[in-house]
N, C-alpha and C. Protein backbone atom coordinates (compact mmCIF):
# COMPACT_ATOMS: atom_id res chain seq x y z
N MET A 1 8.22 4.38 183.30
CA MET A 1 9.53 3.86 182.90
C MET A 1 9.86 2.49 183.57
N ASP A 2 9.24 2.29 184.73
CA ASP A 2 9.14 0.90 185.42
C ASP A 2 8.87 -0.24 184.58
N SER A 3 7.80 0.15 183.52
CA SER A 3 7.25 -0.64 182.17
C SER A 3 8.23 -0.94 181.57
N ALA A 4 9.27 0.12 181.12
CA ALA A 4 10.00 0.05 180.19
C ALA A 4 11.21 -0.62 180.56
N PHE A 5 11.67 -1.04 181.76
CA PHE A 5 12.75 -1.93 182.57
C PHE A 5 11.99 -3.22 182.26
N SER A 6 11.06 -3.15 182.75
CA SER A 6 10.29 -4.68 182.56
C SER A 6 10.18 -5.52 181.45
N TYR A 7 9.87 -4.52 180.44
CA TYR A 7 10.18 -4.83 179.09
C TYR A 7 11.15 -5.35 178.68
N SER A 8 11.85 -4.64 179.02
CA SER A 8 13.70 -5.18 178.19
C SER A 8 14.08 -6.25 179.06
N TYR A 9 13.64 -6.16 180.31
CA TYR A 9 14.21 -7.73 181.25
C TYR A 9 13.23 -8.56 180.64
N LEU A 10 12.07 -8.62 180.24
CA LEU A 10 11.46 -9.70 179.98
C LEU A 10 12.13 -10.08 178.26
N ASN A 11 12.11 -9.12 177.44
CA ASN A 11 12.60 -9.54 175.99
C ASN A 11 13.99 -10.31 176.47
N ASP A 12 14.77 -9.83 177.57
CA ASP A 12 16.09 -10.63 177.81
C ASP A 12 15.92 -11.93 177.82
N LYS A 13 14.77 -12.47 178.89
CA LYS A 13 14.88 -13.32 179.41
C LYS A 13 14.05 -14.27 178.49
N LYS A 14 13.11 -13.81 177.45
CA LYS A 14 12.96 -14.61 176.47
C LYS A 14 14.05 -14.89 174.97
N MET A 15 15.07 -14.30 175.23
CA MET A 15 16.05 -14.70 174.25
C MET A 15 16.41 -15.90 174.69
N GLN A 16 17.02 -16.42 173.40
CA GLN A 16 17.92 -17.89 173.65
C GLN A 16 19.37 -17.75 174.17
N GLY A 17 20.18 -18.64 174.60
CA GLY A 17 21.35 -18.20 174.96
C GLY A 17 22.37 -17.73 174.36
N ALA A 18 22.41 -17.77 173.16
CA ALA A 18 23.45 -17.34 172.26
C ALA A 18 23.07 -15.63 172.31
N ASP A 19 21.87 -15.47 172.04
CA ASP A 19 21.51 -14.01 171.79
C ASP A 19 21.80 -13.48 173.39
N ILE A 20 21.63 -14.19 174.36
CA ILE A 20 21.79 -13.52 175.77
C ILE A 20 23.19 -13.20 175.96
N ARG A 21 24.32 -13.82 175.26
CA ARG A 21 25.49 -13.77 175.73
C ARG A 21 26.04 -12.66 174.66
N TYR A 22 25.31 -12.71 173.46
CA TYR A 22 25.79 -11.47 172.74
C TYR A 22 25.34 -10.08 173.11
N ASN A 23 24.09 -9.90 173.62
CA ASN A 23 23.51 -8.77 174.39
C ASN A 23 24.62 -8.42 175.33
N MET A 24 24.85 -9.40 176.16
CA MET A 24 25.99 -8.88 177.12
C MET A 24 27.28 -8.64 176.67
N MET A 25 27.82 -9.27 176.00
CA MET A 25 29.09 -8.84 175.07
C MET A 25 29.01 -7.76 174.78
N THR A 26 27.84 -6.88 173.96
CA THR A 26 27.57 -6.09 173.71
C THR A 26 27.54 -4.68 174.82
N THR A 27 26.93 -4.99 175.84
CA THR A 27 26.74 -4.09 176.65
C THR A 27 28.04 -3.93 177.65
N SER A 28 29.14 -4.77 177.50
CA SER A 28 30.15 -4.57 178.26
C SER A 28 31.19 -3.85 177.72
N ASN A 29 31.84 -2.76 178.67
CA ASN A 29 32.53 -1.94 178.26
C ASN A 29 34.13 -2.43 177.61
N LEU A 30 34.46 -3.74 178.16
CA LEU A 30 35.61 -4.36 177.67
C LEU A 30 35.41 -4.59 176.34
N PHE A 31 34.22 -5.45 175.74
CA PHE A 31 34.11 -5.72 174.69
C PHE A 31 34.08 -4.42 173.52
N ARG A 32 33.31 -3.47 174.02
CA ARG A 32 32.85 -2.36 173.28
C ARG A 32 34.22 -1.60 173.09
N GLU A 33 35.21 -1.72 173.72
CA GLU A 33 36.44 -0.60 173.51
C GLU A 33 37.32 -1.40 172.70
N ALA A 34 37.71 -2.92 172.59
CA ALA A 34 37.97 -3.71 171.86
C ALA A 34 37.28 -3.75 170.39
N GLN A 35 35.89 -3.42 170.41
CA GLN A 35 35.29 -3.49 169.27
C GLN A 35 35.38 -2.25 168.70
N ASP A 36 35.73 -1.03 169.26
CA ASP A 36 35.60 0.57 168.56
C ASP A 36 37.34 0.49 168.14
N GLU A 37 38.04 -0.30 168.90
CA GLU A 37 39.74 -0.14 168.32
C GLU A 37 39.72 -1.09 166.81
N GLU A 38 39.10 -2.18 167.11
CA GLU A 38 38.81 -2.92 165.90
C GLU A 38 38.45 -2.19 164.69
N MET A 39 37.30 -1.67 164.85
CA MET A 39 36.42 -1.05 164.16
C MET A 39 37.24 0.48 163.45
N GLU A 40 37.90 0.95 164.41
CA GLU A 40 38.49 2.05 164.22
C GLU A 40 39.91 1.70 163.15
N HIS A 41 40.34 0.33 163.42
CA HIS A 41 41.44 0.21 162.41
C HIS A 41 41.04 -0.14 160.90
N LYS A 42 39.94 -0.95 161.07
CA LYS A 42 38.83 -1.45 159.83
C LYS A 42 38.67 0.14 159.20
N VAL A 43 37.98 1.02 159.85
CA VAL A 43 37.71 2.35 159.19
C VAL A 43 38.88 2.84 158.45
N LYS A 44 40.21 2.87 159.47
CA LYS A 44 41.32 3.50 158.86
C LYS A 44 41.86 2.93 157.71
N LYS A 45 41.83 1.66 157.67
CA LYS A 45 42.47 1.01 156.36
C LYS A 45 41.39 1.16 155.04
N VAL A 46 40.18 1.23 155.43
CA VAL A 46 39.14 1.67 154.41
C VAL A 46 39.31 3.02 153.82
N ALA A 47 39.48 4.03 155.08
CA ALA A 47 39.78 5.20 154.57
C ALA A 47 40.85 5.40 153.54
N GLU A 48 42.05 4.78 154.26
CA GLU A 48 43.49 5.00 153.37
C GLU A 48 43.20 4.37 152.09
N LYS A 49 42.32 3.53 151.97
CA LYS A 49 42.64 2.61 150.51
C LYS A 49 41.78 3.65 149.69
N ILE A 50 40.78 4.01 150.29
CA ILE A 50 39.75 5.02 149.61
C ILE A 50 40.50 6.24 149.05
N SER A 51 41.30 6.97 150.08
CA SER A 51 42.10 8.05 149.98
C SER A 51 43.22 7.60 148.49
N GLU A 52 43.89 6.84 149.05
CA GLU A 52 44.84 6.11 147.82
C GLU A 52 44.40 6.04 146.24
N SER A 53 43.16 5.22 146.57
CA SER A 53 42.43 5.22 145.27
C SER A 53 42.12 6.37 144.64
N MET A 54 41.29 7.30 145.24
CA MET A 54 41.08 8.97 144.92
C MET A 54 42.19 9.49 144.41
N ASN A 55 43.70 9.33 145.08
CA ASN A 55 44.83 10.12 144.70
C ASN A 55 45.08 9.44 143.59
N VAL A 56 44.95 8.20 143.31
CA VAL A 56 45.52 7.70 142.18
C VAL A 56 44.49 8.13 141.10
N VAL A 57 43.32 8.28 141.01
CA VAL A 57 42.13 8.64 140.12
C VAL A 57 42.58 9.77 139.63
N ALA A 58 42.91 10.69 140.61
CA ALA A 58 43.01 12.38 140.68
C ALA A 58 44.39 12.59 139.64
N ASN A 59 45.59 11.66 140.17
CA ASN A 59 46.65 12.16 139.60
C ASN A 59 46.56 11.16 138.38
N GLU A 60 45.98 10.57 137.91
CA GLU A 60 46.01 9.75 136.60
C GLU A 60 46.30 9.95 135.54
N PRO A 61 45.45 11.42 135.20
CA PRO A 61 45.17 11.85 134.11
C PRO A 61 46.81 12.66 134.01
N SER A 62 46.97 13.34 135.25
CA SER A 62 48.16 14.12 135.29
C SER A 62 49.49 13.50 134.70
N LEU A 63 49.49 12.05 135.36
CA LEU A 63 50.38 11.44 134.82
C LEU A 63 50.54 10.71 133.17
N ALA A 64 49.54 10.41 133.06
CA ALA A 64 49.32 10.38 131.74
C ALA A 64 49.72 11.53 130.89
N PHE A 65 49.40 12.82 131.16
CA PHE A 65 49.89 13.70 130.27
C PHE A 65 51.14 14.18 130.77
N PHE A 66 51.87 13.79 131.68
CA PHE A 66 53.17 14.17 132.30
C PHE A 66 53.82 12.89 130.99
N ARG A 67 53.61 11.63 131.06
CA ARG A 67 54.16 10.79 129.94
C ARG A 67 54.06 11.13 128.47
N ILE A 68 52.84 11.84 128.58
CA ILE A 68 52.97 12.46 126.86
C ILE A 68 53.77 13.38 126.30
N GLN A 69 53.58 14.18 127.62
CA GLN A 69 54.78 15.49 127.44
C GLN A 69 56.19 14.89 127.38
N GLU A 70 56.79 14.01 128.17
CA GLU A 70 57.95 13.43 128.08
C GLU A 70 57.83 12.82 126.42
N HIS A 71 57.01 12.09 126.20
CA HIS A 71 57.32 11.15 124.80
C HIS A 71 57.28 12.37 123.77
N VAL A 72 56.82 13.33 123.94
CA VAL A 72 56.82 14.47 122.73
C VAL A 72 58.11 15.22 122.96
N ARG A 73 58.61 15.37 124.08
CA ARG A 73 59.56 16.16 124.17
C ARG A 73 60.89 15.27 123.48
N LYS A 74 60.76 14.20 123.72
CA LYS A 74 61.97 13.32 122.91
C LYS A 74 61.70 12.91 121.72
N SER A 75 60.64 12.65 121.20
CA SER A 75 60.41 12.43 119.62
C SER A 75 60.34 13.73 118.90
N LEU A 76 60.12 14.79 119.54
CA LEU A 76 59.57 15.99 118.39
C LEU A 76 60.46 16.46 117.51
N PRO A 77 62.00 16.57 118.23
CA PRO A 77 63.16 16.69 117.43
C PRO A 77 63.61 16.08 116.28
N GLN A 78 63.06 14.88 116.29
CA GLN A 78 63.44 13.75 115.48
C GLN A 78 62.57 13.78 114.48
N LEU A 79 61.25 14.05 114.53
CA LEU A 79 59.96 14.32 113.71
C LEU A 79 60.45 15.64 112.76
N VAL A 80 61.15 16.69 113.77
CA VAL A 80 61.23 17.83 112.87
C VAL A 80 62.43 17.71 111.88
N GLU A 81 63.36 16.96 112.21
CA GLU A 81 64.49 16.79 111.60
C GLU A 81 63.87 15.68 110.32
N GLN A 82 63.13 14.80 110.18
CA GLN A 82 62.42 14.00 109.55
C GLN A 82 61.56 14.84 108.40
N LYS A 83 60.98 15.84 108.94
CA LYS A 83 59.95 16.70 108.43
C LYS A 83 60.83 17.65 107.21
N HIS A 84 62.00 18.02 107.53
CA HIS A 84 62.66 18.80 107.16
C HIS A 84 63.58 17.93 106.00
N GLU A 85 63.84 16.70 106.14
CA GLU A 85 64.37 15.68 104.97
C GLU A 85 63.20 15.40 103.98
N VAL A 86 62.12 15.26 104.32
CA VAL A 86 61.05 15.14 103.53
C VAL A 86 60.78 15.93 102.53
N LEU A 87 60.92 17.49 103.32
CA LEU A 87 60.49 18.42 102.22
C LEU A 87 61.81 19.00 101.67
N GLU A 88 63.21 18.73 101.67
CA GLU A 88 64.16 18.73 100.79
C GLU A 88 64.01 17.58 99.75
N THR A 89 63.61 16.08 100.26
CA THR A 89 63.14 15.10 99.13
C THR A 89 62.07 15.45 98.21
N GLN A 90 61.27 16.19 98.86
CA GLN A 90 59.88 16.56 98.21
C GLN A 90 60.60 17.86 96.95
N GLN A 91 61.54 18.69 97.20
CA GLN A 91 62.02 19.87 96.28
C GLN A 91 62.52 18.97 95.34
N LYS A 92 63.22 17.88 95.96
CA LYS A 92 64.35 17.32 94.67
C LYS A 92 63.49 16.48 93.60
N VAL A 93 62.51 15.94 94.11
CA VAL A 93 61.62 15.26 93.47
C VAL A 93 60.93 15.94 92.23
N GLN A 94 60.31 17.25 92.71
CA GLN A 94 59.71 17.81 92.24
C GLN A 94 60.28 18.69 90.99
N GLY A 95 61.55 18.96 91.44
CA GLY A 95 62.89 19.55 90.42
C GLY A 95 62.97 18.82 89.32
N ALA A 96 63.13 17.30 89.89
CA ALA A 96 63.16 16.34 88.90
C ALA A 96 62.14 16.00 87.92
N SER A 97 61.15 15.97 88.27
CA SER A 97 59.83 15.91 87.98
C SER A 97 59.48 17.07 86.83
N PHE A 98 59.93 18.26 87.50
CA PHE A 98 59.86 19.51 86.17
C PHE A 98 61.03 19.30 84.99
N ASP A 99 61.76 18.89 85.52
CA ASP A 99 63.18 18.52 84.19
C ASP A 99 62.83 17.38 83.51
N THR A 100 62.19 16.37 83.94
CA THR A 100 61.41 15.39 83.08
C THR A 100 60.20 15.92 82.05
N GLU A 101 59.94 16.51 82.74
CA GLU A 101 58.48 17.01 82.13
C GLU A 101 59.05 18.16 80.83
N TYR A 102 60.06 18.61 81.21
CA TYR A 102 60.30 19.82 80.07
C TYR A 102 61.21 19.23 79.12
N ALA A 103 61.99 18.13 79.62
CA ALA A 103 62.74 16.98 78.22
C ALA A 103 61.85 16.28 77.85
N THR A 104 60.76 16.04 77.90
CA THR A 104 59.87 14.86 77.84
C THR A 104 59.22 16.13 76.27
N HIS A 105 58.63 17.02 76.81
CA HIS A 105 58.20 18.26 76.00
C HIS A 105 59.06 18.44 74.47
N ALA A 106 60.16 18.60 75.02
CA ALA A 106 61.50 18.93 74.06
C ALA A 106 61.44 17.79 73.01
N VAL A 107 61.39 16.93 73.46
CA VAL A 107 61.41 15.62 72.47
C VAL A 107 60.29 15.81 71.95
N LYS A 108 59.25 15.69 72.29
CA LYS A 108 58.03 15.64 71.54
C LYS A 108 57.70 16.77 70.66
N SER A 109 58.44 17.95 70.68
CA SER A 109 58.59 19.11 70.01
C SER A 109 59.47 18.65 68.99
N LEU A 110 61.03 18.14 69.06
CA LEU A 110 61.56 17.87 68.07
C LEU A 110 61.04 16.45 67.12
N HIS A 111 60.40 15.50 67.70
CA HIS A 111 59.44 14.86 67.19
C HIS A 111 58.50 15.62 66.02
N LYS A 112 57.79 16.54 66.39
CA LYS A 112 57.04 17.18 65.60
C LYS A 112 57.57 18.36 64.59
N SER A 113 59.02 18.40 64.83
CA SER A 113 59.64 19.47 63.99
C SER A 113 60.48 18.52 62.78
N SER A 114 60.04 17.19 62.55
CA SER A 114 61.07 16.40 61.73
C SER A 114 60.71 16.88 60.41
N ILE A 115 59.59 17.57 59.87
CA ILE A 115 59.44 18.20 58.68
C ILE A 115 60.30 19.36 58.38
N HIS A 116 60.90 20.24 59.29
CA HIS A 116 61.97 21.40 59.36
C HIS A 116 62.95 20.99 59.30
N PHE A 117 63.21 19.47 59.67
CA PHE A 117 64.68 19.19 59.33
C PHE A 117 64.79 18.22 58.47
N GLU A 118 63.77 17.78 58.00
CA GLU A 118 63.60 17.35 56.16
C GLU A 118 64.21 18.64 55.30
N ASN A 119 63.49 19.49 55.46
CA ASN A 119 63.55 20.73 54.63
C ASN A 119 65.13 21.51 54.85
N ILE A 120 65.71 21.46 56.23
CA ILE A 120 66.83 21.80 56.49
C ILE A 120 67.92 20.84 55.57
N GLN A 121 67.76 19.39 55.43
CA GLN A 121 68.13 18.61 54.86
C GLN A 121 68.52 18.99 53.32
N ASP A 122 67.33 19.18 52.82
CA ASP A 122 67.16 19.21 51.39
C ASP A 122 68.01 20.78 51.13
N LEU A 123 67.76 21.73 51.94
CA LEU A 123 68.37 22.87 51.66
C LEU A 123 69.90 22.89 51.57
N LEU A 124 70.56 21.78 52.76
CA LEU A 124 71.81 21.48 53.02
C LEU A 124 72.43 20.84 51.68
N LYS A 125 71.45 19.66 50.91
CA LYS A 125 71.98 18.99 49.84
C LYS A 125 72.12 20.21 48.42
N ASN A 126 71.09 21.05 48.53
CA ASN A 126 71.08 21.99 47.03
C ASN A 126 72.53 23.01 47.37
N ALA A 127 73.03 23.12 48.69
CA ALA A 127 73.85 24.06 48.90
C ALA A 127 75.09 23.14 48.94
N MET A 128 75.21 22.19 49.08
CA MET A 128 76.61 21.54 48.72
C MET A 128 76.57 21.12 46.94
N PHE A 129 75.35 20.97 46.42
CA PHE A 129 75.42 20.77 44.88
C PHE A 129 75.84 22.31 44.21
N MET A 130 75.51 23.18 44.84
CA MET A 130 75.81 24.00 44.47
C MET A 130 77.18 25.01 44.69
N LYS A 131 77.97 24.32 45.61
CA LYS A 131 78.80 24.55 45.98
C LYS A 131 79.94 23.67 45.01
N GLN A 132 79.52 22.47 44.54
CA GLN A 132 80.17 21.54 43.76
C GLN A 132 80.33 22.22 42.51
N GLN A 133 79.39 22.79 42.19
CA GLN A 133 79.00 23.57 40.69
C GLN A 133 80.21 24.50 40.52
N ILE A 134 79.88 25.56 41.50
CA ILE A 134 81.00 26.79 41.64
C ILE A 134 82.26 26.34 41.56
N ASP A 135 82.46 25.12 42.71
CA ASP A 135 84.09 24.82 42.53
C ASP A 135 84.57 24.39 41.10
N TYR A 136 83.58 23.50 40.74
CA TYR A 136 83.82 23.09 39.02
C TYR A 136 83.98 24.15 38.35
N GLU A 137 83.26 25.00 38.14
CA GLU A 137 83.43 26.10 37.28
C GLU A 137 84.89 27.03 37.58
N GLU A 138 84.96 26.89 38.73
CA GLU A 138 86.35 27.75 38.76
C GLU A 138 87.23 26.96 38.46
N ASP A 139 87.44 25.66 38.72
CA ASP A 139 88.32 24.89 38.29
C ASP A 139 88.68 24.56 36.97
N ARG A 140 87.36 24.88 36.05
CA ARG A 140 87.43 24.88 34.63
C ARG A 140 87.96 25.87 34.19
N LYS A 141 87.86 27.34 35.29
CA LYS A 141 88.38 28.51 34.46
C LYS A 141 89.90 28.59 34.79
N ASP A 142 90.35 27.73 35.73
CA ASP A 142 91.37 27.89 36.00
C ASP A 142 92.35 27.01 35.11
N ASP A 143 91.89 26.01 34.70
CA ASP A 143 92.43 25.08 33.69
C ASP A 143 92.64 25.62 32.14
N HIS A 144 91.27 26.29 32.19
CA HIS A 144 91.38 27.20 30.85
C HIS A 144 92.58 28.31 30.54
N ASN A 145 92.63 29.14 31.86
CA ASN A 145 93.75 30.10 31.91
C ASN A 145 94.93 29.56 31.89
N LEU A 146 95.10 28.20 32.44
CA LEU A 146 96.37 27.52 32.57
C LEU A 146 97.07 27.33 30.72
N THR A 147 96.03 26.59 30.23
CA THR A 147 96.13 26.47 29.06
C THR A 147 96.40 27.16 27.78
N SER A 148 95.78 28.38 27.83
CA SER A 148 96.10 29.33 26.90
C SER A 148 96.74 30.51 27.73
N PRO A 149 98.02 30.77 27.14
CA PRO A 149 98.81 31.88 27.45
C PRO A 149 98.27 33.19 27.62
N GLY A 150 97.37 33.93 26.67
CA GLY A 150 96.89 34.66 26.77
C GLY A 150 95.46 35.08 27.01
N LYS A 151 94.87 35.84 26.93
CA LYS A 151 93.69 36.22 27.58
C LYS A 151 92.85 36.37 26.18
N THR A 152 92.70 35.50 25.18
CA THR A 152 91.82 35.47 24.05
C THR A 152 90.74 34.93 24.48
N SER A 153 89.67 35.34 23.55
CA SER A 153 88.55 34.69 23.44
C SER A 153 88.54 33.67 22.33
N ILE A 154 87.48 32.75 22.07
CA ILE A 154 87.54 31.68 20.62
C ILE A 154 87.22 32.90 19.77
N ASN A 155 86.24 33.86 19.57
CA ASN A 155 85.85 34.40 18.43
C ASN A 155 86.65 35.66 18.14
N SER A 156 87.83 35.88 18.98
CA SER A 156 88.75 36.78 18.56
C SER A 156 90.08 36.67 18.02
N THR A 157 90.16 35.13 17.84
CA THR A 157 91.42 34.75 17.42
C THR A 157 91.97 35.44 16.15
N VAL A 158 93.19 35.66 16.11
CA VAL A 158 93.33 36.48 14.77
C VAL A 158 95.06 35.44 14.52
N VAL A 159 94.88 34.88 12.98
CA VAL A 159 95.85 34.37 12.99
C VAL A 159 96.35 34.88 11.26
N ASP A 160 97.44 35.64 11.56
CA ASP A 160 98.20 36.07 10.32
C ASP A 160 97.04 36.97 9.52
N GLY A 161 96.56 37.79 10.78
CA GLY A 161 95.68 38.90 9.89
C GLY A 161 94.46 38.23 9.66
N GLN A 162 93.75 37.11 9.64
CA GLN A 162 92.43 36.63 9.67
C GLN A 162 91.92 35.82 10.52
N ASP A 163 91.10 35.53 10.45
CA ASP A 163 89.98 35.23 11.51
C ASP A 163 90.14 33.86 11.42
N LYS A 164 90.06 33.21 12.61
CA LYS A 164 90.18 31.64 12.36
C LYS A 164 88.43 31.33 12.21
N ASN A 165 87.52 31.99 12.66
CA ASN A 165 86.20 31.47 12.88
C ASN A 165 85.63 32.00 11.31
N GLN A 166 86.29 32.53 10.51
CA GLN A 166 85.82 32.43 9.23
C GLN A 166 86.33 31.59 8.29
N SER A 167 87.31 30.51 8.58
CA SER A 167 87.78 29.66 7.57
C SER A 167 86.69 28.46 7.90
């Protein structure tokens, strides 16, 4: 052990002036307490910063989820209302589309049935012509019955016992 003391003593003697002072200050209890308090304060600050950072990192996802939940809770009723409005509008548009399609089909069917309408028109013309002929015949009979007082025919007219058609 004596050699260890002598070696450290020799090493201390070989140091330059600033190194000796540093060595003396570190071995002194007063500086050690001040150094320990300062170190403790720095360690506490670093530990608090790390703890705060860990807390932020740990709570950041839950804070984000809270914000998302808050947003969903506020916007969901409006989205549901808009969805119902869109569905109602979709049904109205679909109904109008079906009506338009049906009307278009009906117009195309009418266009294809123009031959039938022409046939109906010809039949109506024929019916009107026949009705005019029937009316003409009835008027002629009525005129003929009014001009001759009796119901005699042309072939059977007898004047003074003789037949007119014979003369």
